PDB file of N, CA and C in Angstrom:
ATOM      1  N   MET A   1     -67.800  39.059  67.579  1.00  0.00           N
ATOM      2  CA  MET A   1     -67.271  39.975  68.564  1.00  0.00           C
ATOM      3  C   MET A   1     -68.420  40.397  69.477  1.00  0.00           C
ATOM      4  N   SER A   2     -68.148  40.478  70.749  1.00  0.00           N
ATOM      5  CA  SER A   2     -69.197  40.865  71.682  1.00  0.00           C
ATOM      6  C   SER A   2     -69.593  42.323  71.438  1.00  0.00           C
ATOM      7  N   GLU A   3     -70.807  42.635  71.812  1.00  0.00           N
ATOM      8  CA  GLU A   3     -71.311  43.996  71.625  1.00  0.00           C
ATOM      9  C   GLU A   3     -70.481  45.006  72.408  1.00  0.00           C
ATOM     10  N   LYS A   4     -70.068  44.622  73.606  1.00  0.00           N
ATOM     11  CA  LYS A   4     -69.275  45.530  74.427  1.00  0.00           C
ATOM     12  C   LYS A   4     -67.925  45.818  73.769  1.00  0.00           C
ATOM     13  N   CYS A   5     -67.282  44.784  73.257  1.00  0.00           N
ATOM     14  CA  CYS A   5     -65.984  44.974  72.602  1.00  0.00           C
ATOM     15  C   CYS A   5     -66.140  45.783  71.319  1.00  0.00           C
ATOM     16  N   ALA A   6     -67.228  45.555  70.599  1.00  0.00           N
ATOM     17  CA  ALA A   6     -67.490  46.323  69.378  1.00  0.00           C
ATOM     18  C   ALA A   6     -67.673  47.800  69.711  1.00  0.00           C
ATOM     19  N   LEU A   7     -68.377  48.083  70.805  1.00  0.00           N
ATOM     20  CA  LEU A   7     -68.577  49.469  71.228  1.00  0.00           C
ATOM     21  C   LEU A   7     -67.243  50.116  71.592  1.00  0.00           C
ATOM     22  N   ILE A   8     -66.421  49.400  72.334  1.00  0.00           N
ATOM     23  CA  ILE A   8     -65.110  49.932  72.717  1.00  0.00           C
ATOM     24  C   ILE A   8     -64.280  50.217  71.467  1.00  0.00           C
ATOM     25  N   LEU A   9     -64.308  49.309  70.522  1.00  0.00           N
ATOM     26  CA  LEU A   9     -63.557  49.486  69.277  1.00  0.00           C
ATOM     27  C   LEU A   9     -64.028  50.725  68.526  1.00  0.00           C
ATOM     28  N   GLU A  10     -65.342  50.925  68.475  1.00  0.00           N
ATOM     29  CA  GLU A  10     -65.901  52.087  67.777  1.00  0.00           C
ATOM     30  C   GLU A  10     -65.536  53.405  68.461  1.00  0.00           C
ATOM     31  N   GLU A  11     -65.468  53.399  69.777  1.00  0.00           N
ATOM     32  CA  GLU A  11     -65.279  54.633  70.539  1.00  0.00           C
ATOM     33  C   GLU A  11     -63.850  54.881  71.010  1.00  0.00           C
ATOM     34  N   LYS A  12     -62.921  54.000  70.643  1.00  0.00           N
ATOM     35  CA  LYS A  12     -61.564  54.126  71.186  1.00  0.00           C
ATOM     36  C   LYS A  12     -60.846  55.403  70.747  1.00  0.00           C
ATOM     37  N   ALA A  13     -61.299  56.030  69.677  1.00  0.00           N
ATOM     38  CA  ALA A  13     -60.696  57.290  69.256  1.00  0.00           C
ATOM     39  C   ALA A  13     -61.128  58.437  70.175  1.00  0.00           C
ATOM     40  N   HIS A  14     -62.244  58.255  70.875  1.00  0.00           N
ATOM     41  CA  HIS A  14     -62.790  59.317  71.710  1.00  0.00           C
ATOM     42  C   HIS A  14     -62.545  59.094  73.205  1.00  0.00           C
ATOM     43  N   TYR A  15     -62.402  57.842  73.614  1.00  0.00           N
ATOM     44  CA  TYR A  15     -62.258  57.516  75.030  1.00  0.00           C
ATOM     45  C   TYR A  15     -61.119  56.519  75.219  1.00  0.00           C
ATOM     46  N   ASP A  16     -60.555  56.499  76.391  1.00  0.00           N
ATOM     47  CA  ASP A  16     -59.485  55.586  76.744  1.00  0.00           C
ATOM     48  C   ASP A  16     -60.019  54.150  76.815  1.00  0.00           C
ATOM     49  N   VAL A  17     -59.325  53.220  76.193  1.00  0.00           N
ATOM     50  CA  VAL A  17     -59.747  51.819  76.168  1.00  0.00           C
ATOM     51  C   VAL A  17     -59.840  51.252  77.583  1.00  0.00           C
ATOM     52  N   ALA A  18     -58.856  51.525  78.419  1.00  0.00           N
ATOM     53  CA  ALA A  18     -58.870  51.002  79.792  1.00  0.00           C
ATOM     54  C   ALA A  18     -60.088  51.520  80.549  1.00  0.00           C
ATOM     55  N   PHE A  19     -60.420  52.802  80.365  1.00  0.00           N
ATOM     56  CA  PHE A  19     -61.589  53.387  81.022  1.00  0.00           C
ATOM     57  C   PHE A  19     -62.877  52.694  80.564  1.00  0.00           C
ATOM     58  N   MET A  20     -63.028  52.505  79.259  1.00  0.00           N
ATOM     59  CA  MET A  20     -64.246  51.874  78.741  1.00  0.00           C
ATOM     60  C   MET A  20     -64.337  50.419  79.178  1.00  0.00           C
ATOM     61  N   CYS A  21     -63.227  49.707  79.196  1.00  0.00           N
ATOM     62  CA  CYS A  21     -63.233  48.316  79.652  1.00  0.00           C
ATOM     63  C   CYS A  21     -63.704  48.236  81.100  1.00  0.00           C
ATOM     64  N   ALA A  22     -63.173  49.116  81.936  1.00  0.00           N
ATOM     65  CA  ALA A  22     -63.576  49.132  83.346  1.00  0.00           C
ATOM     66  C   ALA A  22     -65.053  49.491  83.488  1.00  0.00           C
ATOM     67  N   LEU A  23     -65.488  50.480  82.743  1.00  0.00           N
ATOM     68  CA  LEU A  23     -66.875  50.929  82.803  1.00  0.00           C
ATOM     69  C   LEU A  23     -67.854  49.837  82.369  1.00  0.00           C
ATOM     70  N   LEU A  24     -67.472  49.079  81.326  1.00  0.00           N
ATOM     71  CA  LEU A  24     -68.350  48.046  80.784  1.00  0.00           C
ATOM     72  C   LEU A  24     -68.112  46.665  81.399  1.00  0.00           C
ATOM     73  N   GLY A  25     -67.129  46.559  82.271  1.00  0.00           N
ATOM     74  CA  GLY A  25     -66.858  45.281  82.918  1.00  0.00           C
ATOM     75  C   GLY A  25     -66.213  44.262  81.999  1.00  0.00           C
ATOM     76  N   VAL A  26     -65.356  44.741  81.112  1.00  0.00           N
ATOM     77  CA  VAL A  26     -64.644  43.865  80.170  1.00  0.00           C
ATOM     78  C   VAL A  26     -63.169  43.885  80.523  1.00  0.00           C
ATOM     79  N   ALA A  27     -62.577  42.728  80.669  1.00  0.00           N
ATOM     80  CA  ALA A  27     -61.134  42.668  80.923  1.00  0.00           C
ATOM     81  C   ALA A  27     -60.399  43.201  79.688  1.00  0.00           C
ATOM     82  N   ARG A  28     -59.403  44.034  79.909  1.00  0.00           N
ATOM     83  CA  ARG A  28     -58.654  44.577  78.762  1.00  0.00           C
ATOM     84  C   ARG A  28     -58.059  43.465  77.928  1.00  0.00           C
ATOM     85  N   SER A  29     -57.586  42.412  78.578  1.00  0.00           N
ATOM     86  CA  SER A  29     -57.003  41.289  77.826  1.00  0.00           C
ATOM     87  C   SER A  29     -58.048  40.648  76.922  1.00  0.00           C
ATOM     88  N   SER A  30     -59.278  40.560  77.401  1.00  0.00           N
ATOM     89  CA  SER A  30     -60.358  39.994  76.579  1.00  0.00           C
ATOM     90  C   SER A  30     -60.652  40.888  75.388  1.00  0.00           C
ATOM     91  N   TYR A  31     -60.674  42.202  75.630  1.00  0.00           N
ATOM     92  CA  TYR A  31     -60.914  43.144  74.541  1.00  0.00           C
ATOM     93  C   TYR A  31     -59.846  42.998  73.460  1.00  0.00           C
ATOM     94  N   TYR A  32     -58.581  42.999  73.879  1.00  0.00           N
ATOM     95  CA  TYR A  32     -57.500  42.902  72.895  1.00  0.00           C
ATOM     96  C   TYR A  32     -57.478  41.542  72.211  1.00  0.00           C
ATOM     97  N   GLU A  33     -57.845  40.487  72.925  1.00  0.00           N
ATOM     98  CA  GLU A  33     -57.904  39.164  72.308  1.00  0.00           C
ATOM     99  C   GLU A  33     -58.963  39.134  71.212  1.00  0.00           C
ATOM    100  N   VAL A  34     -60.120  39.681  71.517  1.00  0.00           N
ATOM    101  CA  VAL A  34     -61.237  39.676  70.561  1.00  0.00           C
ATOM    102  C   VAL A  34     -60.918  40.545  69.350  1.00  0.00           C
ATOM    103  N   THR A  35     -60.318  41.702  69.574  1.00  0.00           N
ATOM    104  CA  THR A  35     -60.098  42.638  68.467  1.00  0.00           C
ATOM    105  C   THR A  35     -58.896  42.280  67.592  1.00  0.00           C
ATOM    106  N   THR A  36     -58.023  41.416  68.071  1.00  0.00           N
ATOM    107  CA  THR A  36     -56.865  41.034  67.257  1.00  0.00           C
ATOM    108  C   THR A  36     -56.961  39.599  66.735  1.00  0.00           C
ATOM    109  N   ARG A  37     -58.038  38.905  67.087  1.00  0.00           N
ATOM    110  CA  ARG A  37     -58.206  37.509  66.687  1.00  0.00           C
ATOM    111  C   ARG A  37     -58.386  37.400  65.162  1.00  0.00           C
ATOM    112  N   VAL A  38     -57.746  36.413  64.570  1.00  0.00           N
ATOM    113  CA  VAL A  38     -57.916  36.131  63.152  1.00  0.00           C
ATOM    114  C   VAL A  38     -59.183  35.305  62.998  1.00  0.00           C
ATOM    115  N   GLN A  39     -60.040  35.723  62.077  1.00  0.00           N
ATOM    116  CA  GLN A  39     -61.325  35.038  61.893  1.00  0.00           C
ATOM    117  C   GLN A  39     -61.112  33.699  61.182  1.00  0.00           C
ATOM    118  N   SER A  40     -61.725  32.635  61.709  1.00  0.00           N
ATOM    119  CA  SER A  40     -61.579  31.299  61.134  1.00  0.00           C
ATOM    120  C   SER A  40     -62.372  31.193  59.831  1.00  0.00           C
ATOM    121  N   GLN A  41     -62.009  30.219  59.017  1.00  0.00           N
ATOM    122  CA  GLN A  41     -62.728  29.991  57.758  1.00  0.00           C
ATOM    123  C   GLN A  41     -64.193  29.647  58.027  1.00  0.00           C
ATOM    124  N   GLN A  42     -64.447  28.882  59.082  1.00  0.00           N
ATOM    125  CA  GLN A  42     -65.815  28.513  59.423  1.00  0.00           C
ATOM    126  C   GLN A  42     -66.618  29.763  59.810  1.00  0.00           C
ATOM    127  N   SER A  43     -66.013  30.646  60.549  1.00  0.00           N
ATOM    128  CA  SER A  43     -66.680  31.875  60.955  1.00  0.00           C
ATOM    129  C   SER A  43     -66.957  32.773  59.754  1.00  0.00           C
ATOM    130  N   ILE A  44     -66.008  32.849  58.832  1.00  0.00           N
ATOM    131  CA  ILE A  44     -66.191  33.630  57.606  1.00  0.00           C
ATOM    132  C   ILE A  44     -67.350  33.062  56.802  1.00  0.00           C
ATOM    133  N   ARG A  45     -67.388  31.747  56.673  1.00  0.00           N
ATOM    134  CA  ARG A  45     -68.475  31.074  55.939  1.00  0.00           C
ATOM    135  C   ARG A  45     -69.812  31.319  56.632  1.00  0.00           C
ATOM    136  N   HIS A  46     -69.840  31.226  57.942  1.00  0.00           N
ATOM    137  CA  HIS A  46     -71.061  31.461  58.708  1.00  0.00           C
ATOM    138  C   HIS A  46     -71.572  32.881  58.478  1.00  0.00           C
ATOM    139  N   ASP A  47     -70.690  33.866  58.537  1.00  0.00           N
ATOM    140  CA  ASP A  47     -71.078  35.255  58.306  1.00  0.00           C
ATOM    141  C   ASP A  47     -71.624  35.456  56.903  1.00  0.00           C
ATOM    142  N   SER A  48     -70.991  34.803  55.927  1.00  0.00           N
ATOM    143  CA  SER A  48     -71.445  34.899  54.542  1.00  0.00           C
ATOM    144  C   SER A  48     -72.842  34.308  54.372  1.00  0.00           C
ATOM    145  N   LEU A  49     -73.066  33.139  54.966  1.00  0.00           N
ATOM    146  CA  LEU A  49     -74.382  32.502  54.881  1.00  0.00           C
ATOM    147  C   LEU A  49     -75.452  33.315  55.600  1.00  0.00           C
ATOM    148  N   THR A  50     -75.092  33.862  56.750  1.00  0.00           N
ATOM    149  CA  THR A  50     -76.031  34.700  57.497  1.00  0.00           C
ATOM    150  C   THR A  50     -76.452  35.910  56.664  1.00  0.00           C
ATOM    151  N   GLU A  51     -75.495  36.528  56.013  1.00  0.00           N
ATOM    152  CA  GLU A  51     -75.788  37.682  55.163  1.00  0.00           C
ATOM    153  C   GLU A  51     -76.682  37.285  53.983  1.00  0.00           C
ATOM    154  N   ALA A  52     -76.395  36.145  53.365  1.00  0.00           N
ATOM    155  CA  ALA A  52     -77.190  35.685  52.234  1.00  0.00           C
ATOM    156  C   ALA A  52     -78.629  35.388  52.645  1.00  0.00           C
ATOM    157  N   VAL A  53     -78.806  34.716  53.760  1.00  0.00           N
ATOM    158  CA  VAL A  53     -80.153  34.386  54.241  1.00  0.00           C
ATOM    159  C   VAL A  53     -80.909  35.654  54.610  1.00  0.00           C
ATOM    160  N   THR A  54     -80.239  36.580  55.259  1.00  0.00           N
ATOM    161  CA  THR A  54     -80.870  37.850  55.631  1.00  0.00           C
ATOM    162  C   THR A  54     -81.309  38.612  54.392  1.00  0.00           C
ATOM    163  N   ASP A  55     -80.450  38.658  53.370  1.00  0.00           N
ATOM    164  CA  ASP A  55     -80.798  39.344  52.122  1.00  0.00           C
ATOM    165  C   ASP A  55     -82.009  38.697  51.453  1.00  0.00           C
ATOM    166  N   LEU A  56     -82.017  37.362  51.400  1.00  0.00           N
ATOM    167  CA  LEU A  56     -83.155  36.656  50.799  1.00  0.00           C
ATOM    168  C   LEU A  56     -84.440  36.921  51.575  1.00  0.00           C
ATOM    169  N   PHE A  57     -84.370  36.860  52.886  1.00  0.00           N
ATOM    170  CA  PHE A  57     -85.542  37.098  53.716  1.00  0.00           C
ATOM    171  C   PHE A  57     -86.077  38.512  53.492  1.00  0.00           C
ATOM    172  N   THR A  58     -85.166  39.486  53.492  1.00  0.00           N
ATOM    173  CA  THR A  58     -85.574  40.881  53.308  1.00  0.00           C
ATOM    174  C   THR A  58     -86.210  41.082  51.943  1.00  0.00           C
ATOM    175  N   THR A  59     -85.621  40.510  50.912  1.00  0.00           N
ATOM    176  CA  THR A  59     -86.145  40.645  49.551  1.00  0.00           C
ATOM    177  C   THR A  59     -87.514  40.007  49.431  1.00  0.00           C
ATOM    178  N   HIS A  60     -87.654  38.784  49.913  1.00  0.00           N
ATOM    179  CA  HIS A  60     -88.924  38.076  49.765  1.00  0.00           C
ATOM    180  C   HIS A  60     -90.010  38.647  50.677  1.00  0.00           C
ATOM    181  N   THR A  61     -89.634  39.134  51.835  1.00  0.00           N
ATOM    182  CA  THR A  61     -90.615  39.771  52.718  1.00  0.00           C
ATOM    183  C   THR A  61     -91.120  41.055  52.067  1.00  0.00           C
ATOM    184  N   SER A  62     -90.215  41.810  51.484  1.00  0.00           N
ATOM    185  CA  SER A  62     -90.588  43.041  50.801  1.00  0.00           C
ATOM    186  C   SER A  62     -91.499  42.748  49.615  1.00  0.00           C
ATOM    187  N   ASP A  63     -91.152  41.717  48.840  1.00  0.00           N
ATOM    188  CA  ASP A  63     -91.984  41.318  47.689  1.00  0.00           C
ATOM    189  C   ASP A  63     -93.377  40.890  48.146  1.00  0.00           C
ATOM    190  N   ALA A  64     -93.451  40.122  49.232  1.00  0.00           N
ATOM    191  CA  ALA A  64     -94.731  39.662  49.747  1.00  0.00           C
ATOM    192  C   ALA A  64     -95.565  40.835  50.236  1.00  0.00           C
ATOM    193  N   MET A  65     -94.914  41.815  50.857  1.00  0.00           N
ATOM    194  CA  MET A  65     -95.645  42.995  51.319  1.00  0.00           C
ATOM    195  C   MET A  65     -96.182  43.793  50.138  1.00  0.00           C
ATOM    196  N   ASP A  66     -95.378  43.890  49.067  1.00  0.00           N
ATOM    197  CA  ASP A  66     -95.825  44.597  47.867  1.00  0.00           C
ATOM    198  C   ASP A  66     -97.048  43.930  47.251  1.00  0.00           C
ATOM    199  N   LEU A  67     -97.129  42.613  47.363  1.00  0.00           N
ATOM    200  CA  LEU A  67     -98.261  41.858  46.804  1.00  0.00           C
ATOM    201  C   LEU A  67     -99.439  41.794  47.778  1.00  0.00           C
ATOM    202  N   GLY A  68     -99.263  42.300  48.984  1.00  0.00           N
ATOM    203  CA  GLY A  68    -100.319  42.274  49.964  1.00  0.00           C
ATOM    204  C   GLY A  68    -100.485  40.945  50.669  1.00  0.00           C
ATOM    205  N   VAL A  69     -99.490  40.087  50.574  1.00  0.00           N
ATOM    206  CA  VAL A  69     -99.556  38.779  51.198  1.00  0.00           C
ATOM    207  C   VAL A  69     -99.275  38.886  52.702  1.00  0.00           C
ATOM    208  N   LEU A  70     -98.412  39.815  53.075  1.00  0.00           N
ATOM    209  CA  LEU A  70     -98.069  40.009  54.504  1.00  0.00           C
ATOM    210  C   LEU A  70     -98.667  41.284  55.009  1.00  0.00           C
TER     211      LEU A  70
END
């Protein structure tokens, strides 16, 4: 999801969606398409792998810092 659409989604309880779309230069149809889209299996797998790699990197970087390697 684009950062702009994510922001609109987060703030829609406080501000009008049409107003935020206009302010951020996002077509309302694009916003609704992005926020109602069903996530594909490939996208779900990609997100899962990204999270796993990030967790491993964070863990090993932290361990290396504890050992004074980094």
